[in-house]
Amino acid sequence: MPAEQPSAAPGPVPPTGPAALPDSGAEPDGAQRVRILSYNVRSLRDDRDALVRVIRACDPDVVCIQESPRYWRPEKQAARLAHRTGTVILSGGGRIAAGPLLLGKLRVEVLAVRDRLLPKTRGLHARGFATALLRVGGSAPFAVTSCHLSLDPAERLRQFALLPGQFDPGEHGIIAGDFNEHPDGPGWRRLAAEYQDAHTVAPWGGTFTSVPADPHQRIDAVFATPGVEVLACGVPQGLPGVSAADLLAATDHLPVVAVVRIPAGAERRD
């Protein structure tokens, strides 16, 4: 949660019900529906069993973690979280990414890793991006970045500007994270001018992500490049298996789940 209080976010979008969230899977033309979960886990300092239950109930193909533990055996803690959630580590979780971590199901193929340590302002936390170029089944390659941006407005704006550089020109991509800014902030507006704000494009579930006991602001989100079709995105309140008690106990953010359609790879097109 940011130290400063951004201006009030727009009113909440009423939940549309769990039946509205599409499943992941292949389509006849080789395209893939991919479920993405973005979650700030607060260094696993809260109820880890509740956290695992939430992640498993959301059944994501790719998990974009923020605040993965950084100072005490970070690789081992990331590996344990992956094991308990039925995923494997795709990228991040180390000193370069500085907190962000990407997990994924076995069906997710890693083509390249692009983790990046960001320029640091003296006196502020080190920040980084966890990025991997992925492919699922017959889909085209697509890059996914997990990020956790600065509490300092000037540093945060510079970090927003660096996010597009995680993708190659013309590449399909997803950016998910804790942006520590509201949708009316300058960095968010800049990013939304170039990429799709998934919850705005295809609202599903809840809107506000902070804080679980009193959701009143949206500072966590998923963005997609124009070539990716957003099918649904929002806080998974009411999703089967996701209890209100677990959402309260797991961490100090609510998760965001998105289902996107990645086009077929060139080799699958007729």
C-alpha atoms as a PDB file:
ATOM      1  CA  MET A   1       0.000   0.000   0.000  1.00  0.00           C
ATOM      2  CA  PRO A   2       1.514   3.361  -0.936  1.00  0.00           C
ATOM      3  CA  ALA A   3       2.662   5.727   1.773  1.00  0.00           C
ATOM      4  CA  GLU A   4       0.984   8.629   0.050  1.00  0.00           C
ATOM      5  CA  GLN A   5      -2.759   8.509  -0.589  1.00  0.00           C
ATOM      6  CA  PRO A   6      -3.611   8.953  -4.270  1.00  0.00           C
ATOM      7  CA  SER A   7      -6.904  10.473  -5.233  1.00  0.00           C
ATOM      8  CA  ALA A   8     -10.001   8.360  -4.853  1.00  0.00           C
ATOM      9  CA  ALA A   9     -10.465   5.585  -7.396  1.00  0.00           C
ATOM     10  CA  PRO A  10     -13.697   5.255  -9.383  1.00  0.00           C
ATOM     11  CA  GLY A  11     -16.628   3.348  -7.948  1.00  0.00           C
ATOM     12  CA  PRO A  12     -16.474  -0.432  -7.746  1.00  0.00           C
ATOM     13  CA  VAL A  13     -17.621  -2.721 -10.508  1.00  0.00           C
ATOM     14  CA  PRO A  14     -20.250  -5.151  -9.154  1.00  0.00           C
ATOM     15  CA  PRO A  15     -19.101  -8.775  -9.232  1.00  0.00           C
ATOM     16  CA  THR A  16     -20.391 -10.609 -12.281  1.00  0.00           C
ATOM     17  CA  GLY A  17     -20.193 -14.038 -10.661  1.00  0.00           C
ATOM     18  CA  PRO A  18     -17.666 -16.843 -10.867  1.00  0.00           C
ATOM     19  CA  ALA A  19     -19.338 -18.406 -13.916  1.00  0.00           C
ATOM     20  CA  ALA A  20     -18.157 -15.434 -15.979  1.00  0.00           C
ATOM     21  CA  LEU A  21     -14.477 -16.342 -15.588  1.00  0.00           C
ATOM     22  CA  PRO A  22     -13.367 -18.417 -18.598  1.00  0.00           C
ATOM     23  CA  ASP A  23     -11.235 -21.507 -18.182  1.00  0.00           C
ATOM     24  CA  SER A  24      -7.759 -21.674 -19.638  1.00  0.00           C
ATOM     25  CA  GLY A  25      -7.127 -24.050 -22.545  1.00  0.00           C
ATOM     26  CA  ALA A  26      -6.539 -24.481 -26.243  1.00  0.00           C
ATOM     27  CA  GLU A  27      -8.787 -23.225 -29.016  1.00  0.00           C
ATOM     28  CA  PRO A  28      -9.254 -24.949 -32.410  1.00  0.00           C
ATOM     29  CA  ASP A  29      -7.022 -22.504 -34.266  1.00  0.00           C
ATOM     30  CA  GLY A  30      -4.080 -23.039 -31.885  1.00  0.00           C
ATOM     31  CA  ALA A  31      -4.728 -19.937 -29.782  1.00  0.00           C
ATOM     32  CA  GLN A  32      -4.569 -20.380 -26.019  1.00  0.00           C
ATOM     33  CA  ARG A  33      -6.685 -19.014 -23.206  1.00  0.00           C
ATOM     34  CA  VAL A  34      -4.225 -18.294 -20.425  1.00  0.00           C
ATOM     35  CA  ARG A  35      -5.144 -17.481 -16.832  1.00  0.00           C
ATOM     36  CA  ILE A  36      -2.822 -14.964 -15.134  1.00  0.00           C
ATOM     37  CA  LEU A  37      -2.793 -14.258 -11.387  1.00  0.00           C
ATOM     38  CA  SER A  38      -1.071 -11.200  -9.905  1.00  0.00           C
ATOM     39  CA  TYR A  39      -0.534 -11.206  -6.135  1.00  0.00           C
ATOM     40  CA  ASN A  40       1.510  -9.205  -3.628  1.00  0.00           C
ATOM     41  CA  VAL A  41       2.353 -11.809  -0.957  1.00  0.00           C
ATOM     42  CA  ARG A  42       4.060  -9.459   1.552  1.00  0.00           C
ATOM     43  CA  SER A  43       7.195 -11.605   1.868  1.00  0.00           C
ATOM     44  CA  LEU A  44       5.071 -14.555   3.050  1.00  0.00           C
ATOM     45  CA  ARG A  45       4.700 -12.935   6.478  1.00  0.00           C
ATOM     46  CA  ASP A  46       1.010 -13.774   6.866  1.00  0.00           C
ATOM     47  CA  ASP A  47      -1.007 -17.007   6.688  1.00  0.00           C
ATOM     48  CA  ARG A  48       0.845 -19.117   4.114  1.00  0.00           C
ATOM     49  CA  ASP A  49      -1.775 -21.867   4.115  1.00  0.00           C
ATOM     50  CA  ALA A  50      -4.477 -19.330   3.246  1.00  0.00           C
ATOM     51  CA  LEU A  51      -2.255 -17.866   0.524  1.00  0.00           C
ATOM     52  CA  VAL A  52      -1.700 -21.279  -1.035  1.00  0.00           C
ATOM     53  CA  ARG A  53      -5.425 -22.024  -0.961  1.00  0.00           C
ATOM     54  CA  VAL A  54      -6.213 -18.746  -2.751  1.00  0.00           C
ATOM     55  CA  ILE A  55      -3.614 -19.340  -5.453  1.00  0.00           C
ATOM     56  CA  ARG A  56      -4.697 -22.932  -6.036  1.00  0.00           C
ATOM     57  CA  ALA A  57      -8.386 -21.975  -6.177  1.00  0.00           C
ATOM     58  CA  CYS A  58      -7.650 -19.361  -8.852  1.00  0.00           C
ATOM     59  CA  ASP A  59      -5.978 -22.142 -10.901  1.00  0.00           C
ATOM     60  CA  PRO A  60      -3.584 -19.839 -12.786  1.00  0.00           C
ATOM     61  CA  ASP A  61      -1.296 -20.864 -15.629  1.00  0.00           C
ATOM     62  CA  VAL A  62       1.105 -18.047 -14.700  1.00  0.00           C
ATOM     63  CA  VAL A  63       1.459 -16.411 -11.268  1.00  0.00           C
ATOM     64  CA  CYS A  64       2.985 -12.928 -11.064  1.00  0.00           C
ATOM     65  CA  ILE A  65       4.200 -12.571  -7.488  1.00  0.00           C
ATOM     66  CA  GLN A  66       5.276  -9.330  -5.853  1.00  0.00           C
ATOM     67  CA  GLU A  67       7.217  -9.151  -2.575  1.00  0.00           C
ATOM     68  CA  SER A  68       8.605 -12.637  -2.785  1.00  0.00           C
ATOM     69  CA  PRO A  69      11.040 -12.974   0.173  1.00  0.00           C
ATOM     70  CA  ARG A  70      14.385 -11.360  -0.658  1.00  0.00           C
ATOM     71  CA  TYR A  71      16.604 -11.584   2.414  1.00  0.00           C
ATOM     72  CA  TRP A  72      16.325 -15.047   3.942  1.00  0.00           C
ATOM     73  CA  ARG A  73      16.976 -17.943   1.547  1.00  0.00           C
ATOM     74  CA  PRO A  74      14.885 -16.350  -1.217  1.00  0.00           C
ATOM     75  CA  GLU A  75      15.459 -19.152  -3.728  1.00  0.00           C
ATOM     76  CA  LYS A  76      14.388 -21.821  -1.242  1.00  0.00           C
ATOM     77  CA  GLN A  77      11.281 -19.899  -0.200  1.00  0.00           C
ATOM     78  CA  ALA A  78      10.310 -19.310  -3.844  1.00  0.00           C
ATOM     79  CA  ALA A  79      10.790 -22.996  -4.594  1.00  0.00           C
ATOM     80  CA  ARG A  80       8.629 -23.985  -1.622  1.00  0.00           C
ATOM     81  CA  LEU A  81       5.848 -21.634  -2.691  1.00  0.00           C
ATOM     82  CA  ALA A  82       5.996 -23.068  -6.200  1.00  0.00           C
ATOM     83  CA  HIS A  83       5.840 -26.627  -4.881  1.00  0.00           C
ATOM     84  CA  ARG A  84       2.880 -25.915  -2.605  1.00  0.00           C
ATOM     85  CA  THR A  85       0.916 -24.191  -5.393  1.00  0.00           C
ATOM     86  CA  GLY A  86       1.577 -26.870  -8.017  1.00  0.00           C
ATOM     87  CA  THR A  87       3.796 -24.621 -10.140  1.00  0.00           C
ATOM     88  CA  VAL A  88       7.454 -24.186 -11.062  1.00  0.00           C
ATOM     89  CA  ILE A  89       9.668 -21.098 -11.057  1.00  0.00           C
ATOM     90  CA  LEU A  90       9.758 -19.377 -14.449  1.00  0.00           C
ATOM     91  CA  SER A  91      11.895 -16.346 -13.557  1.00  0.00           C
ATOM     92  CA  GLY A  92      12.640 -13.877 -10.770  1.00  0.00           C
ATOM     93  CA  GLY A  93      12.809 -14.686  -7.098  1.00  0.00           C
ATOM     94  CA  GLY A  94      16.453 -13.639  -6.819  1.00  0.00           C
ATOM     95  CA  ARG A  95      18.577 -10.540  -6.378  1.00  0.00           C
ATOM     96  CA  ILE A  96      18.153  -9.255  -9.931  1.00  0.00           C
ATOM     97  CA  ALA A  97      14.350  -9.126  -9.883  1.00  0.00           C
ATOM     98  CA  ALA A  98      14.467  -7.888  -6.253  1.00  0.00           C
ATOM     99  CA  GLY A  99      11.097  -9.252  -5.157  1.00  0.00           C
ATOM    100  CA  PRO A 100       8.967 -10.024  -8.232  1.00  0.00           C
ATOM    101  CA  LEU A 101       8.686 -13.698  -9.145  1.00  0.00           C
ATOM    102  CA  LEU A 102       7.028 -15.633 -11.962  1.00  0.00           C
ATOM    103  CA  LEU A 103       5.564 -19.090 -11.332  1.00  0.00           C
ATOM    104  CA  GLY A 104       3.781 -21.280 -13.851  1.00  0.00           C
ATOM    105  CA  LYS A 105       2.274 -24.640 -14.607  1.00  0.00           C
ATOM    106  CA  LEU A 106       4.350 -27.298 -16.317  1.00  0.00           C
ATOM    107  CA  ARG A 107       2.564 -26.655 -19.612  1.00  0.00           C
ATOM    108  CA  VAL A 108       4.139 -23.181 -19.734  1.00  0.00           C
ATOM    109  CA  GLU A 109       7.381 -23.220 -21.743  1.00  0.00           C
ATOM    110  CA  VAL A 110      10.112 -20.691 -20.950  1.00  0.00           C
ATOM    111  CA  LEU A 111      11.841 -19.393 -24.081  1.00  0.00           C
ATOM    112  CA  ALA A 112      13.942 -16.667 -22.444  1.00  0.00           C
ATOM    113  CA  VAL A 113      14.433 -14.898 -19.097  1.00  0.00           C
ATOM    114  CA  ARG A 114      14.764 -11.095 -18.956  1.00  0.00           C
ATOM    115  CA  ASP A 115      14.940 -10.252 -15.254  1.00  0.00           C
ATOM    116  CA  ARG A 116      16.141  -6.719 -14.618  1.00  0.00           C
ATOM    117  CA  LEU A 117      17.439  -4.804 -11.596  1.00  0.00           C
ATOM    118  CA  LEU A 118      16.286  -1.180 -11.797  1.00  0.00           C
ATOM    119  CA  PRO A 119      18.252   1.999 -11.083  1.00  0.00           C
ATOM    120  CA  LYS A 120      18.002   2.713  -7.365  1.00  0.00           C
ATOM    121  CA  THR A 121      17.395   5.988  -5.573  1.00  0.00           C
ATOM    122  CA  ARG A 122      19.518   6.365  -2.434  1.00  0.00           C
ATOM    123  CA  GLY A 123      17.522   5.537   0.676  1.00  0.00           C
ATOM    124  CA  LEU A 124      14.781   3.623  -1.172  1.00  0.00           C
ATOM    125  CA  HIS A 125      14.272  -0.107  -1.681  1.00  0.00           C
ATOM    126  CA  ALA A 126      15.904  -1.888  -4.596  1.00  0.00           C
ATOM    127  CA  ARG A 127      13.323  -2.756  -7.250  1.00  0.00           C
ATOM    128  CA  GLY A 128      13.358  -5.039 -10.259  1.00  0.00           C
ATOM    129  CA  PHE A 129      11.287  -6.721 -12.941  1.00  0.00           C
ATOM    130  CA  ALA A 130      10.783 -10.478 -13.320  1.00  0.00           C
ATOM    131  CA  THR A 131      10.197 -11.153 -17.013  1.00  0.00           C
ATOM    132  CA  ALA A 132      10.060 -14.320 -19.072  1.00  0.00           C
ATOM    133  CA  LEU A 133       9.234 -14.987 -22.711  1.00  0.00           C
ATOM    134  CA  LEU A 134       6.741 -17.848 -22.668  1.00  0.00           C
ATOM    135  CA  ARG A 135       4.765 -20.149 -24.911  1.00  0.00           C
ATOM    136  CA  VAL A 136       1.767 -22.315 -24.063  1.00  0.00           C
ATOM    137  CA  GLY A 137       0.894 -25.129 -26.447  1.00  0.00           C
ATOM    138  CA  GLY A 138       0.456 -23.777 -29.956  1.00  0.00           C
ATOM    139  CA  SER A 139       0.347 -20.124 -28.936  1.00  0.00           C
ATOM    140  CA  ALA A 140       2.595 -17.394 -30.209  1.00  0.00           C
ATOM    141  CA  PRO A 141       5.393 -16.459 -27.809  1.00  0.00           C
ATOM    142  CA  PHE A 142       4.370 -13.858 -25.235  1.00  0.00           C
ATOM    143  CA  ALA A 143       6.327 -12.056 -22.533  1.00  0.00           C
ATOM    144  CA  VAL A 144       5.105 -11.665 -18.951  1.00  0.00           C
ATOM    145  CA  THR A 145       6.473  -9.114 -16.476  1.00  0.00           C
ATOM    146  CA  SER A 146       5.794  -9.025 -12.749  1.00  0.00           C
ATOM    147  CA  CYS A 147       6.594  -5.679 -11.131  1.00  0.00           C
ATOM    148  CA  HIS A 148       6.324  -3.842  -7.814  1.00  0.00           C
ATOM    149  CA  LEU A 149       6.871  -0.125  -8.328  1.00  0.00           C
ATOM    150  CA  SER A 150       8.260   2.459  -5.953  1.00  0.00           C
ATOM    151  CA  LEU A 151       6.411   4.378  -3.260  1.00  0.00           C
ATOM    152  CA  ASP A 152       8.315   7.505  -4.334  1.00  0.00           C
ATOM    153  CA  PRO A 153       6.334   9.311  -7.089  1.00  0.00           C
ATOM    154  CA  ALA A 154       9.349  10.449  -9.119  1.00  0.00           C
ATOM    155  CA  GLU A 155      11.088   7.070  -9.020  1.00  0.00           C
ATOM    156  CA  ARG A 156       7.802   5.297  -9.733  1.00  0.00           C
ATOM    157  CA  LEU A 157       7.214   7.395 -12.852  1.00  0.00           C
ATOM    158  CA  ARG A 158      10.672   6.461 -14.144  1.00  0.00           C
ATOM    159  CA  GLN A 159       9.916   2.796 -13.486  1.00  0.00           C
ATOM    160  CA  PHE A 160       6.631   3.001 -15.388  1.00  0.00           C
ATOM    161  CA  ALA A 161       8.602   4.335 -18.351  1.00  0.00           C
ATOM    162  CA  LEU A 162      10.947   1.311 -18.245  1.00  0.00           C
ATOM    163  CA  LEU A 163       8.193  -1.322 -18.406  1.00  0.00           C
ATOM    164  CA  PRO A 164       7.667  -1.269 -22.204  1.00  0.00           C
ATOM    165  CA  GLY A 165      11.378  -2.011 -22.634  1.00  0.00           C
ATOM    166  CA  GLN A 166      10.789  -5.521 -21.261  1.00  0.00           C
ATOM    167  CA  PHE A 167       9.106  -6.434 -24.558  1.00  0.00           C
ATOM    168  CA  ASP A 168      10.606  -6.650 -28.036  1.00  0.00           C
ATOM    169  CA  PRO A 169       8.878  -4.584 -30.754  1.00  0.00           C
ATOM    170  CA  GLY A 170       5.664  -6.255 -31.910  1.00  0.00           C
ATOM    171  CA  GLU A 171       5.794  -8.890 -29.166  1.00  0.00           C
ATOM    172  CA  HIS A 172       2.691 -10.026 -27.296  1.00  0.00           C
ATOM    173  CA  GLY A 173       2.982  -9.272 -23.613  1.00  0.00           C
ATOM    174  CA  ILE A 174       1.437  -9.005 -20.151  1.00  0.00           C
ATOM    175  CA  ILE A 175       2.476  -6.628 -17.365  1.00  0.00           C
ATOM    176  CA  ALA A 176       1.083  -7.439 -13.922  1.00  0.00           C
ATOM    177  CA  GLY A 177       1.876  -6.072 -10.535  1.00  0.00           C
ATOM    178  CA  ASP A 178       1.535  -3.758  -7.598  1.00  0.00           C
ATOM    179  CA  PHE A 179       1.913  -0.304  -9.151  1.00  0.00           C
ATOM    180  CA  ASN A 180       1.541   1.712  -5.932  1.00  0.00           C
ATOM    181  CA  GLU A 181      -0.537   4.189  -7.936  1.00  0.00           C
ATOM    182  CA  HIS A 182      -4.195   4.678  -8.826  1.00  0.00           C
ATOM    183  CA  PRO A 183      -5.536   4.678 -12.395  1.00  0.00           C
ATOM    184  CA  ASP A 184      -5.584   8.491 -12.481  1.00  0.00           C
ATOM    185  CA  GLY A 185      -1.832   8.695 -11.729  1.00  0.00           C
ATOM    186  CA  PRO A 186       0.587   9.871 -14.441  1.00  0.00           C
ATOM    187  CA  GLY A 187       2.462   6.587 -14.786  1.00  0.00           C
ATOM    188  CA  TRP A 188      -0.671   4.471 -14.891  1.00  0.00           C
ATOM    189  CA  ARG A 189      -2.243   6.756 -17.492  1.00  0.00           C
ATOM    190  CA  ARG A 190       0.909   6.580 -19.614  1.00  0.00           C
ATOM    191  CA  LEU A 191       0.919   2.792 -19.498  1.00  0.00           C
ATOM    192  CA  ALA A 192      -2.828   2.566 -20.206  1.00  0.00           C
ATOM    193  CA  ALA A 193      -2.382   4.732 -23.292  1.00  0.00           C
ATOM    194  CA  GLU A 194      -0.137   2.059 -24.805  1.00  0.00           C
ATOM    195  CA  TYR A 195      -1.489  -1.151 -23.273  1.00  0.00           C
ATOM    196  CA  GLN A 196      -4.905  -2.486 -22.331  1.00  0.00           C
ATOM    197  CA  ASP A 197      -5.884  -2.078 -18.676  1.00  0.00           C
ATOM    198  CA  ALA A 198      -7.441  -5.532 -18.451  1.00  0.00           C
ATOM    199  CA  HIS A 199     -10.036  -4.805 -15.757  1.00  0.00           C
ATOM    200  CA  THR A 200     -11.255  -1.765 -17.681  1.00  0.00           C
ATOM    201  CA  VAL A 201     -11.469  -3.736 -20.938  1.00  0.00           C
ATOM    202  CA  ALA A 202     -13.216  -6.834 -19.536  1.00  0.00           C
ATOM    203  CA  PRO A 203     -14.344  -6.212 -15.930  1.00  0.00           C
ATOM    204  CA  TRP A 204     -15.033  -9.286 -13.854  1.00  0.00           C
ATOM    205  CA  GLY A 205     -15.177  -9.823 -10.087  1.00  0.00           C
ATOM    206  CA  GLY A 206     -14.114  -7.035  -7.764  1.00  0.00           C
ATOM    207  CA  THR A 207     -12.254  -3.825  -8.549  1.00  0.00           C
ATOM    208  CA  PHE A 208     -10.384  -2.659  -5.458  1.00  0.00           C
ATOM    209  CA  THR A 209      -7.255  -4.509  -4.316  1.00  0.00           C
ATOM    210  CA  SER A 210      -6.209  -2.721  -1.123  1.00  0.00           C
ATOM    211  CA  VAL A 211      -6.722  -3.359   1.687  1.00  0.00           C
ATOM    212  CA  PRO A 212      -8.486  -6.743   2.086  1.00  0.00           C
ATOM    213  CA  ALA A 213     -10.397  -5.674   5.211  1.00  0.00           C
ATOM    214  CA  ASP A 214     -11.629  -2.480   3.538  1.00  0.00           C
ATOM    215  CA  PRO A 215     -11.021  -2.525  -0.240  1.00  0.00           C
ATOM    216  CA  HIS A 216     -11.075   1.114  -1.357  1.00  0.00           C
ATOM    217  CA  GLN A 217      -8.307   1.566  -3.908  1.00  0.00           C
ATOM    218  CA  ARG A 218      -7.029  -0.143  -7.057  1.00  0.00           C
ATOM    219  CA  ILE A 219      -3.243  -0.223  -7.070  1.00  0.00           C
ATOM    220  CA  ASP A 220      -2.757  -3.741  -8.493  1.00  0.00           C
ATOM    221  CA  ALA A 221      -3.542  -4.512 -12.124  1.00  0.00           C
ATOM    222  CA  VAL A 222      -2.882  -6.492 -15.280  1.00  0.00           C
ATOM    223  CA  PHE A 223      -2.050  -4.835 -18.606  1.00  0.00           C
ATOM    224  CA  ALA A 224      -1.895  -6.487 -22.037  1.00  0.00           C
ATOM    225  CA  THR A 225      -0.451  -5.519 -25.399  1.00  0.00           C
ATOM    226  CA  PRO A 226      -2.983  -4.731 -28.149  1.00  0.00           C
ATOM    227  CA  GLY A 227      -2.620  -8.133 -29.864  1.00  0.00           C
ATOM    228  CA  VAL A 228      -3.763 -10.000 -26.756  1.00  0.00           C
ATOM    229  CA  GLU A 229      -7.515 -10.394 -26.266  1.00  0.00           C
ATOM    230  CA  VAL A 230      -8.621  -9.794 -22.679  1.00  0.00           C
ATOM    231  CA  LEU A 231     -11.537 -12.063 -21.755  1.00  0.00           C
ATOM    232  CA  ALA A 232     -11.979 -11.215 -18.058  1.00  0.00           C
ATOM    233  CA  CYS A 233     -10.083  -9.532 -15.231  1.00  0.00           C
ATOM    234  CA  GLY A 234     -10.697  -8.626 -11.598  1.00  0.00           C
ATOM    235  CA  VAL A 235     -10.424  -9.569  -7.949  1.00  0.00           C
ATOM    236  CA  PRO A 236     -11.632 -13.188  -7.540  1.00  0.00           C
ATOM    237  CA  GLN A 237     -14.244 -12.520  -4.876  1.00  0.00           C
ATOM    238  CA  GLY A 238     -16.868 -15.255  -5.055  1.00  0.00           C
ATOM    239  CA  LEU A 239     -14.764 -17.589  -7.174  1.00  0.00           C
ATOM    240  CA  PRO A 240     -15.332 -21.176  -5.984  1.00  0.00           C
ATOM    241  CA  GLY A 241     -12.691 -22.125  -3.419  1.00  0.00           C
ATOM    242  CA  VAL A 242     -11.674 -18.523  -2.694  1.00  0.00           C
ATOM    243  CA  SER A 243     -13.046 -17.698   0.747  1.00  0.00           C
ATOM    244  CA  ALA A 244     -13.328 -14.233   2.246  1.00  0.00           C
ATOM    245  CA  ALA A 245     -11.462 -15.496   5.314  1.00  0.00           C
ATOM    246  CA  ASP A 246      -8.513 -16.657   3.233  1.00  0.00           C
ATOM    247  CA  LEU A 247      -8.364 -13.370   1.319  1.00  0.00           C
ATOM    248  CA  LEU A 248      -8.165 -11.529   4.649  1.00  0.00           C
ATOM    249  CA  ALA A 249      -5.547 -13.836   6.145  1.00  0.00           C
ATOM    250  CA  ALA A 250      -3.238 -14.424   3.173  1.00  0.00           C
ATOM    251  CA  THR A 251      -1.587 -11.004   2.748  1.00  0.00           C
ATOM    252  CA  ASP A 252      -2.305  -7.255   2.727  1.00  0.00           C
ATOM    253  CA  HIS A 253      -3.418  -7.112  -0.932  1.00  0.00           C
ATOM    254  CA  LEU A 254      -6.211  -8.779  -2.848  1.00  0.00           C
ATOM    255  CA  PRO A 255      -5.163 -10.755  -5.924  1.00  0.00           C
ATOM    256  CA  VAL A 256      -6.066  -9.927  -9.512  1.00  0.00           C
ATOM    257  CA  VAL A 257      -6.884 -12.721 -11.947  1.00  0.00           C
ATOM    258  CA  ALA A 258      -7.100 -12.245 -15.719  1.00  0.00           C
ATOM    259  CA  VAL A 259      -7.911 -14.593 -18.567  1.00  0.00           C
ATOM    260  CA  VAL A 260      -6.389 -13.617 -21.898  1.00  0.00           C
ATOM    261  CA  ARG A 261      -6.375 -15.122 -25.361  1.00  0.00           C
ATOM    262  CA  ILE A 262      -2.906 -15.457 -26.888  1.00  0.00           C
ATOM    263  CA  PRO A 263      -3.016 -15.869 -30.691  1.00  0.00           C
ATOM    264  CA  ALA A 264      -1.741 -19.025 -32.348  1.00  0.00           C
ATOM    265  CA  GLY A 265       1.893 -19.229 -33.279  1.00  0.00           C
ATOM    266  CA  ALA A 266       2.870 -18.787 -36.914  1.00  0.00           C
ATOM    267  CA  GLU A 267       3.552 -22.492 -37.352  1.00  0.00           C
ATOM    268  CA  ARG A 268      -0.081 -23.285 -36.496  1.00  0.00           C
ATOM    269  CA  ARG A 269      -1.673 -20.852 -38.988  1.00  0.00           C
ATOM    270  CA  ASP A 270      -2.984 -22.158 -42.323  1.00  0.00           C
END
